[in-house]
Protein backbone atom coordinates (compact mmCIF):
# COMPACT_ATOMS: atom_id res chain seq x y z
CA MET A 1 7.30 13.73 -15.04
CA GLY A 2 9.75 16.54 -16.54
CA THR A 3 12.10 19.08 -13.45
CA LYS A 4 11.08 23.11 -13.63
CA LYS A 5 14.27 25.33 -13.21
CA THR A 6 13.77 26.87 -10.37
CA SER A 7 15.87 29.73 -8.67
CA LEU A 8 15.96 29.42 -4.91
CA GLY A 9 17.68 32.80 -2.65
CA CYS A 10 18.83 33.57 1.09
CA TYR A 11 18.83 36.82 1.01
CA GLU A 12 19.26 39.83 3.46
CA TYR A 13 21.40 37.78 5.85
CA VAL A 14 24.62 40.68 7.76
CA ASP A 15 27.67 39.35 9.92
CA ASP A 16 29.54 41.43 11.50
CA LEU A 17 32.90 42.24 9.24
CA ALA A 18 35.44 40.25 10.86
CA ASP A 19 32.75 37.19 10.01
CA MET A 20 32.58 37.99 6.56
CA PRO A 21 32.79 36.27 4.06
CA LEU A 22 28.81 34.13 4.16
CA SER A 23 28.14 31.45 2.39
CA TYR A 24 25.55 29.05 1.37
CA SER A 25 24.16 25.59 0.87
CA PHE A 26 20.30 24.72 -0.23
CA GLU A 27 18.60 21.09 0.60
CA ILE A 28 16.28 19.00 -0.03
CA GLU A 29 13.64 17.15 1.71
CA LEU A 30 13.73 13.79 0.03
CA THR A 31 11.05 11.99 1.59
CA PRO A 32 8.14 13.80 3.80
CA ASN A 33 8.39 15.02 7.62
CA THR A 34 11.26 13.09 7.91
CA GLY A 35 14.10 16.00 8.70
CA GLN A 36 15.81 14.38 6.82
CA PHE A 37 17.95 16.85 3.68
CA VAL A 38 19.52 16.31 1.05
CA GLU A 39 22.28 18.40 -1.07
CA LEU A 40 21.28 20.31 -3.79
CA SER A 41 23.58 22.96 -3.73
CA SER A 42 27.06 22.57 -3.11
CA ARG A 43 27.59 25.54 0.21
CA SER A 44 29.50 28.26 -1.91
CA THR A 45 29.57 32.53 -1.51
CA SER A 46 26.80 32.54 -3.96
CA SER A 47 23.57 33.68 -2.04
CA THR A 48 21.15 32.36 -5.15
CA VAL A 49 21.28 29.58 -7.64
CA GLN A 50 19.79 28.07 -9.74
CA ARG A 51 18.02 24.04 -10.13
CA ARG A 52 15.99 21.42 -12.08
CA ILE A 53 13.50 19.61 -9.86
CA PRO A 54 11.27 17.42 -9.77
CA ALA A 55 7.26 17.33 -9.33
CA GLY A 56 6.98 16.99 -5.14
CA PRO A 57 5.13 13.97 -4.26
CA PRO A 58 1.66 13.33 -4.12
CA GLU A 59 1.52 12.79 -0.83
CA THR A 60 2.80 16.21 -0.30
CA ASN A 61 0.30 17.89 -2.80
CA TYR A 62 3.23 18.29 -5.22
CA THR A 63 5.60 20.41 -2.12
CA TRP A 64 9.23 20.18 -1.33
CA ASN A 65 10.31 20.97 1.61
CA LEU A 66 13.69 22.92 1.36
CA ARG A 67 16.55 24.40 3.60
CA GLY A 68 18.85 27.35 2.52
CA ILE A 69 22.21 27.30 5.31
CA VAL A 70 24.13 30.87 5.57
CA TYR A 71 26.87 30.14 7.05
CA ASP A 72 29.75 32.86 8.23
CA LYS A 73 33.70 32.33 7.65
CA HIS A 74 34.27 30.27 11.29
CA GLY A 75 31.33 27.92 10.52
CA ALA A 76 27.94 29.34 12.43
CA PHE A 77 25.21 29.50 10.64
CA SER A 78 21.22 30.52 10.22
CA GLU A 79 18.73 28.09 8.80
CA SER A 80 15.60 29.02 6.77
CA PHE A 81 13.12 26.39 5.37
CA PHE A 82 10.91 27.11 2.79
CA SER A 83 8.79 24.69 0.22
CA VAL A 84 7.94 25.52 -3.29
CA LYS A 85 4.99 23.51 -5.56
CA ILE A 86 6.05 21.44 -8.26
CA GLU A 87 3.65 20.45 -10.12
CA PRO A 88 3.67 16.85 -12.65
CA VAL A 89 3.20 17.38 -16.08
CA SER A 90 0.85 15.01 -17.79
CA GLU A 91 1.28 13.46 -20.61
CA GLY A 92 0.31 15.27 -24.30
CA SER A 93 -0.16 18.96 -22.75
CA ASN A 94 1.50 21.32 -23.73
CA VAL A 95 4.49 22.33 -21.68
CA TYR A 96 6.30 25.04 -24.11
CA GLY A 97 5.44 28.36 -24.28
CA GLU A 98 4.15 30.64 -26.72
CA GLU A 99 7.55 32.42 -27.46
CA GLN A 100 8.65 28.56 -27.82
CA LEU A 101 5.45 27.05 -30.08
CA VAL A 102 5.98 30.65 -32.37
CA LYS A 103 9.15 29.75 -33.38
CA ALA A 104 8.29 25.47 -33.92
CA ALA A 105 5.28 27.07 -36.20
CA GLY A 106 7.84 29.16 -37.76
CA ILE A 107 10.47 26.46 -38.43
CA LEU A 108 7.27 24.22 -39.27
CA GLU A 109 6.48 26.57 -42.62
CA GLN A 110 10.57 27.49 -43.10
CA GLN A 111 10.87 23.02 -43.44
CA ALA A 112 7.22 23.28 -45.92
CA GLN A 113 8.16 26.16 -48.07
CA GLN A 114 11.59 24.39 -49.20
CA ALA A 115 9.26 21.08 -50.07
CA ILE A 116 7.75 23.31 -52.36
CA LEU A 117 10.34 24.67 -54.23
CA THR A 118 11.53 21.22 -54.60
CA ALA A 119 8.33 19.37 -54.84
CA ASP A 120 9.42 16.71 -52.65
CA PRO A 121 6.42 15.93 -50.52
CA ALA A 122 8.50 13.36 -48.67
CA THR A 123 11.09 16.44 -47.41
CA LEU A 124 7.80 17.98 -46.03
CA ILE A 125 6.57 15.06 -43.92
CA GLU A 126 10.00 13.50 -43.20
CA SER A 127 11.84 16.64 -42.11
CA THR A 128 8.54 18.43 -39.81
CA LEU A 129 7.94 14.58 -37.66
CA GLY A 130 11.23 15.68 -35.39
CA THR A 131 9.53 19.36 -34.75
CA ILE A 132 5.71 17.95 -34.34
CA SER A 133 6.39 17.76 -31.20
CA LEU A 134 6.76 21.15 -30.24
CA LEU A 135 3.42 21.55 -30.60
CA GLY A 136 1.71 19.43 -27.98
CA LYS A 137 -1.13 17.63 -28.43
CA GLY A 138 -3.86 17.75 -30.75
CA ALA A 139 -2.25 21.02 -32.41
CA ALA A 140 0.11 18.73 -35.00
CA PRO A 141 -2.24 16.71 -36.85
CA THR A 142 -4.15 20.15 -38.17
CA THR A 143 -0.33 22.08 -38.47
CA VAL A 144 0.81 18.63 -40.05
CA ALA A 145 -2.79 18.97 -42.62
CA SER A 146 -2.29 23.51 -43.48
CA LEU A 147 1.33 22.81 -44.59
CA LEU A 148 0.13 19.75 -47.00
CA ASN A 149 -2.22 21.18 -47.88
CA SER A 150 -0.69 24.59 -48.84
CA SER A 151 2.42 22.74 -50.53
CA ILE A 152 -0.74 21.24 -53.65
């Protein structure tokens, strides 16, 4: 199972000038409904962070409970609770977007053309093995077959 890059943020918090600057931290509840949170990001003056978060627990429908904490310079704080649903990626599914697939197809085409020019079919097969995984289950055999046919 993979992780998902997730943006977390606490916005529109204000305080008296004497209490500035504000700082922020983010936490995740690893065991559902326990109220015990673990730090995702240490306290900083940035109101947003990006973190890779794994799929949530199946028993919570893949949902994580998160907490954002906003502090003033004296240590007073306010909490904000929210949740994010991150579903697991099943084996063999295509986890890449269209842009990555187009790029992978271009790489395959370049490698096929190079193999054709060198008249070495073994180069074609060997050089595409690392790239095939980008295409997802089911797409690679068709692509490799069409590449091999075009080199004959």
